[in-house]
Amino acid sequence: MTEGYCVKCKKKVEMKDTQKVTLKNGKPATKGICPDCGTKVFRIGG
């Protein structure tokens, strides 16, 4: 699983329902959902 920072919980969480995306500039990123509060979590660079 991928780890990201949840702004609402103010801590690092393991993302669930992760999805690999590509930014406009071509760099890879990962987006998912915080398992605790359900907020979207985003991580640049894989």
C-alpha atoms as a PDB file:
ATOM      1  CA  MET A   1       0.000   0.000   0.000  1.00  0.00           C
ATOM      2  CA  THR A   2       1.002   3.589  -0.575  1.00  0.00           C
ATOM      3  CA  GLU A   3       1.386   6.066   2.235  1.00  0.00           C
ATOM      4  CA  GLY A   4       0.207   9.670   1.954  1.00  0.00           C
ATOM      5  CA  TYR A   5      -0.500  12.645   4.214  1.00  0.00           C
ATOM      6  CA  CYS A   6      -4.123  13.297   5.165  1.00  0.00           C
ATOM      7  CA  VAL A   7      -4.660  17.019   5.732  1.00  0.00           C
ATOM      8  CA  LYS A   8      -7.864  16.472   7.704  1.00  0.00           C
ATOM      9  CA  CYS A   9      -6.393  13.863  10.092  1.00  0.00           C
ATOM     10  CA  LYS A  10      -2.986  15.631  10.133  1.00  0.00           C
ATOM     11  CA  LYS A  11      -1.044  12.375   9.899  1.00  0.00           C
ATOM     12  CA  LYS A  12       0.393   9.893   7.418  1.00  0.00           C
ATOM     13  CA  VAL A  13      -2.059   7.179   6.422  1.00  0.00           C
ATOM     14  CA  GLU A  14      -2.080   4.119   4.170  1.00  0.00           C
ATOM     15  CA  MET A  15      -4.205   5.078   1.153  1.00  0.00           C
ATOM     16  CA  LYS A  16      -7.010   2.786   0.077  1.00  0.00           C
ATOM     17  CA  ASP A  17      -8.446   2.538  -3.454  1.00  0.00           C
ATOM     18  CA  THR A  18      -5.189   3.854  -4.914  1.00  0.00           C
ATOM     19  CA  GLN A  19      -5.007   4.938  -8.520  1.00  0.00           C
ATOM     20  CA  LYS A  20      -1.885   5.784 -10.544  1.00  0.00           C
ATOM     21  CA  VAL A  21      -2.257   9.084 -12.422  1.00  0.00           C
ATOM     22  CA  THR A  22      -0.031  11.294 -14.550  1.00  0.00           C
ATOM     23  CA  LEU A  23       0.159  15.042 -13.962  1.00  0.00           C
ATOM     24  CA  LYS A  24       0.018  17.612 -16.780  1.00  0.00           C
ATOM     25  CA  ASN A  25       3.818  17.900 -16.766  1.00  0.00           C
ATOM     26  CA  GLY A  26       4.191  14.115 -17.212  1.00  0.00           C
ATOM     27  CA  LYS A  27       5.243  13.230 -13.660  1.00  0.00           C
ATOM     28  CA  PRO A  28       3.652  10.216 -11.946  1.00  0.00           C
ATOM     29  CA  ALA A  29       1.381  10.573  -8.928  1.00  0.00           C
ATOM     30  CA  THR A  30      -0.946   8.470  -6.796  1.00  0.00           C
ATOM     31  CA  LYS A  31      -4.365   9.367  -5.489  1.00  0.00           C
ATOM     32  CA  GLY A  32      -6.489   7.514  -2.993  1.00  0.00           C
ATOM     33  CA  ILE A  33      -8.776   7.802   0.018  1.00  0.00           C
ATOM     34  CA  CYS A  34      -7.989   8.106   3.719  1.00  0.00           C
ATOM     35  CA  PRO A  35      -9.291   4.984   5.507  1.00  0.00           C
ATOM     36  CA  ASP A  36     -10.111   6.939   8.686  1.00  0.00           C
ATOM     37  CA  CYS A  37     -12.098   9.949   7.447  1.00  0.00           C
ATOM     38  CA  GLY A  38     -12.735   9.313   3.727  1.00  0.00           C
ATOM     39  CA  THR A  39     -10.925  12.447   2.497  1.00  0.00           C
ATOM     40  CA  LYS A  40      -9.028  12.362  -0.805  1.00  0.00           C
ATOM     41  CA  VAL A  41      -5.276  11.852  -0.349  1.00  0.00           C
ATOM     42  CA  PHE A  42      -2.752  12.726  -3.057  1.00  0.00           C
ATOM     43  CA  ARG A  43       0.945  11.891  -3.384  1.00  0.00           C
ATOM     44  CA  ILE A  44       3.271  13.177  -6.093  1.00  0.00           C
ATOM     45  CA  GLY A  45       5.960  10.842  -7.344  1.00  0.00           C
ATOM     46  CA  GLY A  46       4.328   7.467  -7.319  1.00  0.00           C
END
